[in-house]
Amino acid sequence: MREADAVILEEIRSSGLYRELWQSFAVLPSIKSVGVMGDGRTYEYPIILRAVTSEDAMTADWARLPYEVPP
C-alpha cells in the first residue's frame, strides 16, 4: 500500500495537480475484482485511487482527474 500510495502521489505531483487536490490516496478493498490476463480470467485485489477537492475542509467533492494522470 505504501508503494501504491507513493506512485499515486508522484503522478499527482508530476501532473501539476498537487495543489488543486485536498486529499488523494490509495485504497485497497477487501474484495477481489475480475479481470482478463491472456486468455483467462484473473481475480485480484484492485487498488483504488481516491482524490477529492474541498473549499472549506467541511465538504468534499470528487476530483475530476484527466485520464492521463492515473498510472
N, C-alpha and C. Protein backbone atom coordinates (compact mmCIF):
# COMPACT_ATOMS: atom_id res chain seq x y z
N MET A 1 0.82 -1.18 0.00
CA MET A 1 0.00 0.00 0.00
C MET A 1 0.87 1.26 0.00
N ARG A 2 1.94 1.22 0.75
CA ARG A 2 2.81 2.41 0.76
C ARG A 2 3.39 2.69 -0.62
N GLU A 3 3.77 1.62 -1.30
CA GLU A 3 4.33 1.79 -2.65
C GLU A 3 3.26 2.33 -3.61
N ALA A 4 2.05 1.80 -3.53
CA ALA A 4 0.96 2.29 -4.38
C ALA A 4 0.66 3.75 -4.08
N ASP A 5 0.62 4.10 -2.81
CA ASP A 5 0.36 5.48 -2.41
C ASP A 5 1.47 6.41 -2.90
N ALA A 6 2.72 5.93 -2.86
CA ALA A 6 3.84 6.74 -3.34
C ALA A 6 3.75 6.96 -4.85
N VAL A 7 3.34 5.94 -5.59
CA VAL A 7 3.19 6.08 -7.04
C VAL A 7 2.10 7.11 -7.36
N ILE A 8 0.98 7.02 -6.65
CA ILE A 8 -0.11 7.96 -6.86
C ILE A 8 0.34 9.38 -6.55
N LEU A 9 1.01 9.57 -5.43
CA LEU A 9 1.49 10.90 -5.05
C LEU A 9 2.45 11.46 -6.09
N GLU A 10 3.35 10.63 -6.59
CA GLU A 10 4.30 11.08 -7.61
C GLU A 10 3.58 11.49 -8.89
N GLU A 11 2.59 10.72 -9.31
CA GLU A 11 1.82 11.06 -10.51
C GLU A 11 1.04 12.37 -10.33
N ILE A 12 0.46 12.55 -9.15
CA ILE A 12 -0.28 13.78 -8.86
C ILE A 12 0.66 14.98 -8.89
N ARG A 13 1.83 14.83 -8.28
CA ARG A 13 2.79 15.94 -8.26
C ARG A 13 3.33 16.25 -9.65
N SER A 14 3.70 15.22 -10.40
CA SER A 14 4.30 15.45 -11.73
C SER A 14 3.29 16.01 -12.73
N SER A 15 2.00 15.80 -12.48
CA SER A 15 0.98 16.34 -13.39
C SER A 15 0.58 17.77 -13.03
N GLY A 16 1.10 18.29 -11.90
CA GLY A 16 0.79 19.65 -11.50
C GLY A 16 -0.54 19.80 -10.78
N LEU A 17 -1.13 18.69 -10.33
CA LEU A 17 -2.43 18.74 -9.66
C LEU A 17 -2.33 18.74 -8.14
N TYR A 18 -1.13 18.66 -7.60
CA TYR A 18 -0.96 18.50 -6.15
C TYR A 18 -1.66 19.60 -5.34
N ARG A 19 -1.54 20.84 -5.75
CA ARG A 19 -2.13 21.96 -5.01
C ARG A 19 -3.64 22.10 -5.26
N GLU A 20 -4.16 21.46 -6.28
CA GLU A 20 -5.59 21.53 -6.58
C GLU A 20 -6.41 20.53 -5.78
N LEU A 21 -5.77 19.49 -5.27
CA LEU A 21 -6.49 18.43 -4.54
C LEU A 21 -6.40 18.65 -3.05
N TRP A 22 -7.46 18.30 -2.35
CA TRP A 22 -7.44 18.37 -0.89
C TRP A 22 -6.86 17.09 -0.32
N GLN A 23 -7.30 15.94 -0.86
CA GLN A 23 -6.77 14.65 -0.44
C GLN A 23 -6.68 13.73 -1.65
N SER A 24 -5.67 12.89 -1.66
CA SER A 24 -5.57 11.82 -2.65
C SER A 24 -4.77 10.69 -2.02
N PHE A 25 -5.28 9.47 -2.18
CA PHE A 25 -4.63 8.32 -1.56
C PHE A 25 -5.11 7.04 -2.21
N ALA A 26 -4.39 5.95 -1.94
CA ALA A 26 -4.73 4.63 -2.45
C ALA A 26 -5.62 3.91 -1.44
N VAL A 27 -6.56 3.13 -1.96
CA VAL A 27 -7.46 2.33 -1.13
C VAL A 27 -7.37 0.89 -1.61
N LEU A 28 -7.26 -0.06 -0.68
CA LEU A 28 -7.24 -1.48 -1.00
C LEU A 28 -8.49 -2.12 -0.40
N PRO A 29 -9.50 -2.41 -1.23
CA PRO A 29 -10.73 -3.01 -0.69
C PRO A 29 -10.49 -4.47 -0.30
N SER A 30 -11.39 -5.01 0.49
CA SER A 30 -11.25 -6.40 0.95
C SER A 30 -11.95 -7.39 0.01
N ILE A 31 -12.26 -6.96 -1.20
CA ILE A 31 -12.89 -7.83 -2.19
C ILE A 31 -12.02 -7.91 -3.44
N LYS A 32 -12.13 -9.02 -4.13
CA LYS A 32 -11.39 -9.18 -5.39
C LYS A 32 -12.25 -8.75 -6.56
N SER A 33 -11.59 -8.38 -7.63
CA SER A 33 -12.26 -7.98 -8.86
C SER A 33 -11.80 -8.90 -9.98
N VAL A 34 -12.66 -9.11 -10.95
CA VAL A 34 -12.30 -9.98 -12.07
C VAL A 34 -11.68 -9.16 -13.19
N GLY A 35 -10.68 -9.74 -13.81
CA GLY A 35 -10.03 -9.12 -14.94
C GLY A 35 -9.65 -10.19 -15.95
N VAL A 36 -9.00 -9.80 -17.01
CA VAL A 36 -8.57 -10.74 -18.04
C VAL A 36 -7.06 -10.61 -18.19
N MET A 37 -6.39 -11.76 -18.17
CA MET A 37 -4.95 -11.80 -18.40
C MET A 37 -4.70 -12.92 -19.40
N GLY A 38 -4.23 -12.55 -20.57
CA GLY A 38 -4.08 -13.55 -21.62
C GLY A 38 -5.45 -14.02 -22.08
N ASP A 39 -5.66 -15.33 -22.04
CA ASP A 39 -6.94 -15.91 -22.46
C ASP A 39 -7.83 -16.29 -21.29
N GLY A 40 -7.42 -15.99 -20.08
CA GLY A 40 -8.20 -16.42 -18.92
C GLY A 40 -8.56 -15.30 -17.98
N ARG A 41 -9.47 -15.62 -17.09
CA ARG A 41 -9.88 -14.67 -16.05
C ARG A 41 -8.85 -14.66 -14.93
N THR A 42 -8.77 -13.54 -14.27
CA THR A 42 -7.93 -13.42 -13.09
C THR A 42 -8.72 -12.69 -12.01
N TYR A 43 -8.54 -13.09 -10.79
CA TYR A 43 -9.22 -12.46 -9.66
C TYR A 43 -8.16 -11.89 -8.72
N GLU A 44 -8.11 -10.59 -8.64
CA GLU A 44 -7.11 -9.91 -7.82
C GLU A 44 -7.74 -8.76 -7.06
N TYR A 45 -7.02 -8.27 -6.06
CA TYR A 45 -7.47 -7.11 -5.31
C TYR A 45 -7.10 -5.84 -6.08
N PRO A 46 -8.07 -4.99 -6.40
CA PRO A 46 -7.74 -3.75 -7.11
C PRO A 46 -7.23 -2.68 -6.15
N ILE A 47 -6.45 -1.78 -6.65
CA ILE A 47 -6.08 -0.59 -5.88
C ILE A 47 -6.89 0.56 -6.45
N ILE A 48 -7.58 1.25 -5.59
CA ILE A 48 -8.48 2.33 -5.99
C ILE A 48 -7.83 3.67 -5.67
N LEU A 49 -7.91 4.59 -6.59
CA LEU A 49 -7.42 5.95 -6.38
C LEU A 49 -8.57 6.82 -5.90
N ARG A 50 -8.41 7.40 -4.73
CA ARG A 50 -9.43 8.30 -4.16
C ARG A 50 -8.83 9.69 -4.15
N ALA A 51 -9.47 10.63 -4.83
CA ALA A 51 -9.00 12.01 -4.88
C ALA A 51 -10.20 12.93 -4.74
N VAL A 52 -10.09 13.89 -3.83
CA VAL A 52 -11.19 14.82 -3.59
C VAL A 52 -10.67 16.25 -3.51
N THR A 53 -11.58 17.18 -3.79
CA THR A 53 -11.30 18.61 -3.63
C THR A 53 -12.21 19.16 -2.54
N SER A 54 -11.82 20.28 -1.96
CA SER A 54 -12.64 20.92 -0.94
C SER A 54 -12.31 22.40 -0.88
N GLU A 55 -13.31 23.20 -0.63
CA GLU A 55 -13.13 24.64 -0.47
C GLU A 55 -12.94 25.01 1.00
N ASP A 56 -13.57 24.26 1.90
CA ASP A 56 -13.61 24.64 3.31
C ASP A 56 -13.20 23.53 4.28
N ALA A 57 -12.79 22.39 3.79
CA ALA A 57 -12.44 21.23 4.61
C ALA A 57 -13.62 20.69 5.41
N MET A 58 -14.82 21.11 5.08
CA MET A 58 -16.03 20.60 5.73
C MET A 58 -16.81 19.69 4.78
N THR A 59 -16.76 20.00 3.52
CA THR A 59 -17.40 19.19 2.50
C THR A 59 -16.38 18.88 1.41
N ALA A 60 -16.58 17.78 0.72
CA ALA A 60 -15.65 17.39 -0.33
C ALA A 60 -16.41 16.98 -1.58
N ASP A 61 -15.74 17.09 -2.71
CA ASP A 61 -16.30 16.68 -3.99
C ASP A 61 -15.25 15.83 -4.69
N TRP A 62 -15.69 14.87 -5.47
CA TRP A 62 -14.73 14.02 -6.17
C TRP A 62 -13.93 14.86 -7.16
N ALA A 63 -12.66 14.54 -7.26
CA ALA A 63 -11.77 15.29 -8.15
C ALA A 63 -11.89 14.77 -9.57
N ARG A 64 -11.99 15.67 -10.49
CA ARG A 64 -12.07 15.31 -11.91
C ARG A 64 -10.65 15.27 -12.47
N LEU A 65 -10.07 14.09 -12.46
CA LEU A 65 -8.69 13.92 -12.92
C LEU A 65 -8.67 13.61 -14.41
N PRO A 66 -7.69 14.16 -15.13
CA PRO A 66 -7.54 13.79 -16.54
C PRO A 66 -7.22 12.29 -16.66
N TYR A 67 -7.66 11.67 -17.73
CA TYR A 67 -7.43 10.23 -17.92
C TYR A 67 -5.94 9.89 -17.96
N GLU A 68 -5.10 10.84 -18.32
CA GLU A 68 -3.67 10.58 -18.43
C GLU A 68 -2.98 10.49 -17.08
N VAL A 69 -3.59 10.99 -16.02
CA VAL A 69 -2.92 11.08 -14.72
C VAL A 69 -2.75 9.74 -14.03
N PRO A 70 -3.79 8.94 -13.84
CA PRO A 70 -3.56 7.68 -13.12
C PRO A 70 -2.56 6.80 -13.85
N PRO A 71 -1.65 6.19 -13.09
CA PRO A 71 -0.61 5.35 -13.72
C PRO A 71 -1.17 4.08 -14.30
